Protein backbone atom coordinates (compact mmCIF):
# COMPACT_ATOMS: atom_id res chain seq x y z
CA MET A 1 -5.48 -12.58 -11.18
CA THR A 2 -3.37 -15.07 -12.69
CA VAL A 3 0.43 -15.75 -13.90
CA HIS A 4 1.16 -14.89 -17.60
CA ILE A 5 4.04 -17.04 -19.09
CA HIS A 6 4.54 -17.19 -22.74
CA PRO A 7 4.79 -20.46 -24.23
CA THR A 8 8.37 -20.02 -25.23
CA ALA A 9 9.52 -19.36 -21.85
CA LEU A 10 11.58 -21.91 -19.65
CA VAL A 11 10.33 -21.57 -16.41
CA SER A 12 11.19 -24.00 -13.37
CA LYS A 13 8.45 -25.64 -11.64
CA LYS A 14 10.38 -25.03 -8.46
CA ALA A 15 10.63 -21.06 -9.09
CA GLN A 16 7.96 -19.34 -6.96
CA ILE A 17 5.96 -17.35 -9.03
CA SER A 18 3.36 -14.75 -7.38
CA GLU A 19 0.10 -13.71 -8.75
CA ASP A 20 -0.22 -11.14 -11.66
CA VAL A 21 3.57 -11.99 -12.95
CA THR A 22 4.27 -11.64 -16.56
CA ILE A 23 7.15 -13.77 -18.21
CA GLY A 24 7.87 -12.83 -21.79
CA PRO A 25 9.02 -14.92 -24.74
CA TYR A 26 12.32 -16.88 -24.38
CA CYS A 27 12.64 -16.24 -20.66
CA ILE A 28 14.57 -18.53 -18.79
CA VAL A 29 13.74 -18.57 -14.98
CA GLU A 30 15.69 -21.42 -12.98
CA ASP A 31 14.79 -23.35 -10.04
CA ASP A 32 15.88 -21.18 -6.90
CA VAL A 33 13.87 -18.01 -8.08
CA VAL A 34 11.32 -15.92 -6.20
CA ILE A 35 9.32 -13.37 -8.17
CA GLY A 36 6.92 -10.72 -6.45
CA GLU A 37 3.50 -9.81 -7.36
CA GLY A 38 3.11 -7.69 -10.62
CA THR A 39 6.57 -8.04 -11.81
CA LYS A 40 7.26 -8.14 -15.49
CA LEU A 41 10.03 -9.87 -17.53
CA GLU A 42 10.22 -9.05 -21.23
CA ALA A 43 11.72 -11.12 -23.94
CA PHE A 44 14.73 -13.07 -23.21
CA VAL A 45 15.28 -12.37 -19.40
CA HIS A 46 17.31 -14.85 -17.81
CA ALA A 47 16.76 -15.04 -13.79
CA ARG A 48 19.50 -17.49 -12.39
CA ASP A 49 19.48 -19.30 -9.21
CA CYS A 50 19.41 -17.74 -5.84
CA VAL A 51 17.81 -14.49 -7.24
CA ARG A 52 15.01 -12.80 -5.45
CA ILE A 53 12.74 -10.11 -7.22
CA GLY A 54 10.26 -8.03 -5.50
CA LYS A 55 7.10 -6.72 -6.50
CA ASN A 56 6.35 -4.50 -9.41
CA CYS A 57 9.59 -4.82 -11.10
CA ARG A 58 10.11 -4.69 -14.67
CA LEU A 59 12.99 -6.15 -16.46
CA PHE A 60 13.70 -5.36 -20.05
CA GLU A 61 15.15 -7.70 -22.89
CA HIS A 62 18.27 -9.62 -22.30
CA SER A 63 18.79 -8.65 -18.81
CA VAL A 64 20.59 -11.26 -16.50
CA VAL A 65 20.14 -11.33 -12.74
CA GLY A 66 22.00 -13.84 -10.69
CA GLY A 67 25.07 -14.41 -12.72
CA LEU A 68 27.94 -15.81 -11.24
CA PRO A 69 30.36 -13.32 -9.58
CA GLN A 70 33.67 -12.54 -11.46
CA ASP A 71 35.78 -13.04 -8.53
CA PHE A 72 38.29 -15.66 -8.03
CA ASP A 73 37.58 -15.60 -4.08
CA PHE A 74 34.12 -17.19 -5.25
CA LYS A 75 34.08 -21.17 -4.58
CA GLY A 76 30.69 -21.63 -5.49
CA GLU A 77 29.09 -20.84 -1.99
CA LYS A 78 25.35 -20.06 -1.71
CA SER A 79 25.04 -16.35 -2.28
CA TRP A 80 22.38 -13.99 -3.58
CA ALA A 81 21.25 -11.21 -6.10
CA VAL A 82 18.30 -9.28 -4.71
CA LEU A 83 15.93 -6.67 -6.74
CA GLU A 84 13.54 -4.86 -4.11
CA ASP A 85 10.27 -3.66 -4.90
CA GLY A 86 9.91 -1.32 -7.92
CA VAL A 87 12.98 -1.85 -9.55
CA THR A 88 13.49 -1.39 -13.50
CA LEU A 89 16.33 -2.82 -15.56
CA ARG A 90 16.43 -1.70 -18.67
CA GLU A 91 17.85 -3.86 -21.69
CA ASN A 92 21.22 -5.99 -21.26
CA VAL A 93 21.62 -5.14 -17.58
CA THR A 94 23.74 -7.48 -15.80
CA VAL A 95 23.56 -8.13 -11.66
CA HIS A 96 25.78 -10.63 -10.74
CA ARG A 97 25.45 -12.79 -7.05
CA ALA A 98 27.54 -11.87 -4.31
CA SER A 99 31.06 -13.71 -3.20
CA GLY A 100 30.94 -15.01 0.20
CA GLU A 101 28.18 -17.75 1.86
CA ASP A 102 25.02 -16.15 2.21
CA LYS A 103 26.04 -12.32 1.21
CA LYS A 104 23.96 -10.50 -1.18
CA THR A 105 24.02 -8.05 -3.98
CA VAL A 106 21.16 -5.79 -3.40
CA ILE A 107 19.30 -3.18 -5.72
CA ARG A 108 16.96 -1.29 -3.38
CA GLU A 109 13.44 -0.38 -3.88
CA GLY A 110 12.56 2.25 -7.12
CA SER A 111 15.97 2.12 -8.58
CA PHE A 112 16.18 2.51 -12.24
CA LEU A 113 19.02 1.20 -14.09
CA MET A 114 19.51 2.21 -17.87
CA GLU A 115 20.79 -0.08 -20.75
CA GLY A 116 23.89 -2.25 -20.56
CA VAL A 117 24.81 -1.31 -16.66
CA HIS A 118 26.63 -3.80 -14.72
CA VAL A 119 26.37 -4.59 -11.16
CA ALA A 120 29.09 -6.58 -9.95
CA HIS A 121 29.16 -8.74 -6.79
CA ASN A 122 28.48 -7.29 -3.37
CA VAL A 123 27.20 -4.26 -4.88
CA VAL A 124 24.45 -2.45 -2.95
CA VAL A 125 22.58 0.43 -4.97
CA GLY A 126 19.67 2.79 -4.00
CA PRO A 127 17.19 2.94 -3.08
CA ASN A 128 15.79 5.48 -5.68
CA CYS A 129 18.85 5.62 -7.93
CA VAL A 130 19.09 6.34 -11.42
CA ILE A 131 22.00 4.69 -13.04
CA ALA A 132 22.56 5.60 -16.76
CA ASN A 133 23.68 3.61 -19.84
CA LYS A 134 26.70 1.47 -19.63
CA VAL A 135 27.72 2.48 -16.05
CA GLY A 136 30.16 -0.35 -14.50
CA LEU A 137 30.11 -1.24 -11.05
CA ALA A 138 32.90 -2.76 -9.55
CA GLY A 139 32.78 -5.40 -6.53
CA TYR A 140 31.68 -3.99 -3.08
CA VAL A 141 30.75 -0.53 -4.43
CA THR A 142 27.82 0.89 -2.28
CA ILE A 143 25.72 3.69 -3.47
CA GLY A 144 23.45 5.70 -1.14
CA GLU A 145 20.00 6.85 -1.61
CA GLY A 146 18.99 9.19 -4.71
CA ALA A 147 22.24 9.01 -6.47
CA VAL A 148 22.25 9.68 -10.02
CA PHE A 149 24.91 8.52 -12.64
CA GLY A 150 25.44 10.19 -16.28
CA GLY A 151 26.41 7.40 -18.93
CA MET A 152 29.36 5.23 -19.02
CA VAL A 153 30.79 5.98 -15.66
CA GLY A 154 33.29 3.31 -14.10
CA VAL A 155 33.37 2.84 -10.55
CA HIS A 156 36.26 1.49 -8.64
CA GLN A 157 35.89 -1.62 -6.26
CA PHE A 158 35.07 -0.68 -2.68
CA VAL A 159 34.00 2.91 -3.51
CA ARG A 160 31.28 4.38 -1.66
CA ILE A 161 29.03 7.14 -2.98
CA GLY A 162 27.02 9.01 -0.76
CA ARG A 163 23.31 9.87 -0.63
CA TYR A 164 22.01 12.44 -3.12
CA CYS A 165 24.97 12.58 -5.12
CA MET A 166 25.37 13.20 -9.08
CA VAL A 167 28.24 11.48 -10.92
CA GLY A 168 28.90 13.11 -14.43
CA GLY A 169 29.06 10.76 -17.53
CA LEU A 170 32.16 9.26 -18.51
CA SER A 171 33.71 9.93 -15.09
CA LYS A 172 36.27 7.71 -13.72
CA VAL A 173 35.38 7.22 -9.68
CA VAL A 174 38.33 5.76 -7.69
CA ARG A 175 37.51 7.39 -4.34
CA ASP A 176 34.73 7.87 -2.19
CA VAL A 177 32.47 10.66 -3.09
CA PRO A 178 30.76 11.96 0.16
CA PRO A 179 27.10 12.67 0.41
CA PHE A 180 25.31 15.72 -1.55
CA THR A 181 27.99 16.40 -3.90
CA LEU A 182 28.38 16.47 -7.60
CA ALA A 183 31.51 14.48 -8.93
CA ASP A 184 32.96 14.69 -12.36
CA GLY A 185 36.13 13.80 -14.31
CA HIS A 186 38.69 11.39 -15.23
CA PRO A 187 39.38 10.79 -12.31
CA ALA A 188 36.50 12.35 -10.73
CA THR A 189 36.74 15.18 -8.40
CA ILE A 190 34.14 17.02 -6.63
CA ARG A 191 32.65 20.01 -8.49
CA ASN A 192 30.09 21.40 -6.00
CA ILE A 193 27.27 20.32 -3.85
CA ASN A 194 24.43 18.84 -5.92
CA VAL A 195 22.29 21.54 -6.08
CA VAL A 196 19.59 20.72 -8.62
CA GLY A 197 19.40 17.27 -7.19
CA LEU A 198 19.08 18.23 -3.64
CA ARG A 199 16.46 20.95 -4.61
CA ARG A 200 14.44 18.21 -6.36
CA SER A 201 14.62 15.79 -3.60
CA GLY A 202 13.14 18.70 -1.24
CA PHE A 203 16.08 19.93 0.51
CA SER A 204 15.78 23.52 1.94
CA ASP A 205 17.68 26.50 0.74
CA GLU A 206 18.84 26.55 4.58
CA GLU A 207 19.95 23.01 4.20
CA ARG A 208 21.70 23.52 0.87
CA SER A 209 23.37 26.41 2.44
CA LEU A 210 24.54 24.67 5.66
CA ILE A 211 25.62 21.73 3.59
CA LYS A 212 27.77 23.86 1.47
CA ARG A 213 29.17 25.65 4.47
CA ILE A 214 30.35 22.24 5.90
CA TYR A 215 32.24 21.41 2.72
CA ARG A 216 33.62 24.97 2.36
CA PHE A 217 35.11 24.37 6.16
CA LEU A 218 36.39 20.95 5.11
CA PHE A 219 37.98 21.61 1.87
CA ARG A 220 38.80 25.41 1.98
CA GLY A 221 39.81 26.03 5.32
CA ASN A 222 43.42 26.78 6.31
CA MET A 223 43.97 23.45 7.97
CA PRO A 224 44.48 19.92 6.86
CA PHE A 225 41.39 17.87 5.96
CA THR A 226 41.49 15.33 9.08
CA GLU A 227 42.03 18.15 11.23
CA ALA A 228 39.26 20.16 9.70
CA LEU A 229 37.04 16.92 10.09
CA SER A 230 37.79 16.59 13.89
CA LYS A 231 36.68 20.41 14.50
CA LEU A 232 33.36 20.03 12.66
CA GLU A 233 31.24 20.01 15.79
CA GLU A 234 33.10 22.76 17.43
CA SER A 235 32.39 24.76 14.55
CA PHE A 236 29.00 23.95 13.72
CA GLY A 237 27.41 22.49 16.71
CA ASP A 238 25.09 19.31 16.30
CA SER A 239 23.76 20.65 12.89
CA PRO A 240 21.82 18.32 10.73
CA TYR A 241 23.76 16.48 8.25
CA LEU A 242 27.06 17.29 9.88
CA GLY A 243 27.37 13.72 11.53
CA GLU A 244 26.65 12.00 8.22
CA ILE A 245 29.35 13.97 6.38
CA ARG A 246 31.79 13.33 9.13
CA ASP A 247 31.08 9.57 9.67
CA PHE A 248 31.19 9.06 5.86
CA ALA A 249 34.46 10.61 5.77
CA ARG A 250 36.21 8.69 8.45
CA SER A 251 35.18 5.52 7.14
CA GLY A 252 35.88 3.41 3.92
CA LYS A 253 38.78 2.12 2.37
CA ARG A 254 39.51 4.24 -0.75
CA GLY A 255 39.82 7.95 0.51
CA ILE A 256 37.84 10.91 -0.13
CA THR A 257 37.57 12.19 -3.62
CA PRO A 258 39.35 15.66 -3.51
CA TRP A 259 37.58 19.10 -4.45
CA TYR A 260 38.51 20.67 -7.59
CA PHE A 261 39.56 24.24 -7.71
CA PRO A 262 40.62 25.76 -10.65
CA GLU A 263 43.00 28.24 -8.89
CA LYS A 264 43.92 25.43 -6.60
CA LYS A 265 44.20 21.80 -8.09
CA GLU A 266 45.87 20.03 -5.34
CA ILE A 267 43.74 19.99 -2.06
CA ASP A 268 45.59 19.27 1.09
CA GLN A 269 44.00 16.13 2.80
């Protein structure tokens, strides 16, 4: 196996390029870049300094990885943008380096980012997330495994999206979205558990039913949210997923996205 570099591409001799990598027309690969085996860069891709790209990734036209963070706290320190194995970036995706010495922006293995997605500094995505066109992820956003985003979603800085969530297109997400739920709206509210996504990911009927009962207890019980949270184990015992939901709700900086009910728009939290 050999490396295939188009004659119009500008590839630094200091970059570490593995076997079976393809670098297309007019790409730019700067000095401090590592590209794993089997990865393909289509035309006009720019891999800037402090970038690590894993194996079998595919970066489409005009994607840029390693841009400087849009953060006034950034003072030129060495930080990283990391794509793990099997990541796909479609056209015009931008992934910025982190802010803070030796900090990382990371897209984990198997995630698929569609055209025009922006991943800001210190974001962590994945693994196996699907993020549709024109989604904007502000700084320090964290997205759990298997989450799916519709197009043109905007996510506020420091927001966390739990595992196997679905966020509907055009949503404005300003609070944390807890695991296994479906959120939509402007601003986003929780509409249900992510039934379709959980089924496709192999969650059984019993597991989905348990998750739904936990959330019904938290959001529709006759007690404040924080009190219901403290009584989860008393009501459900040591149930699978309970600890994940409880720990997620107790941490974070942005608060929990409220659940929307047509007959009761405001939920006591």
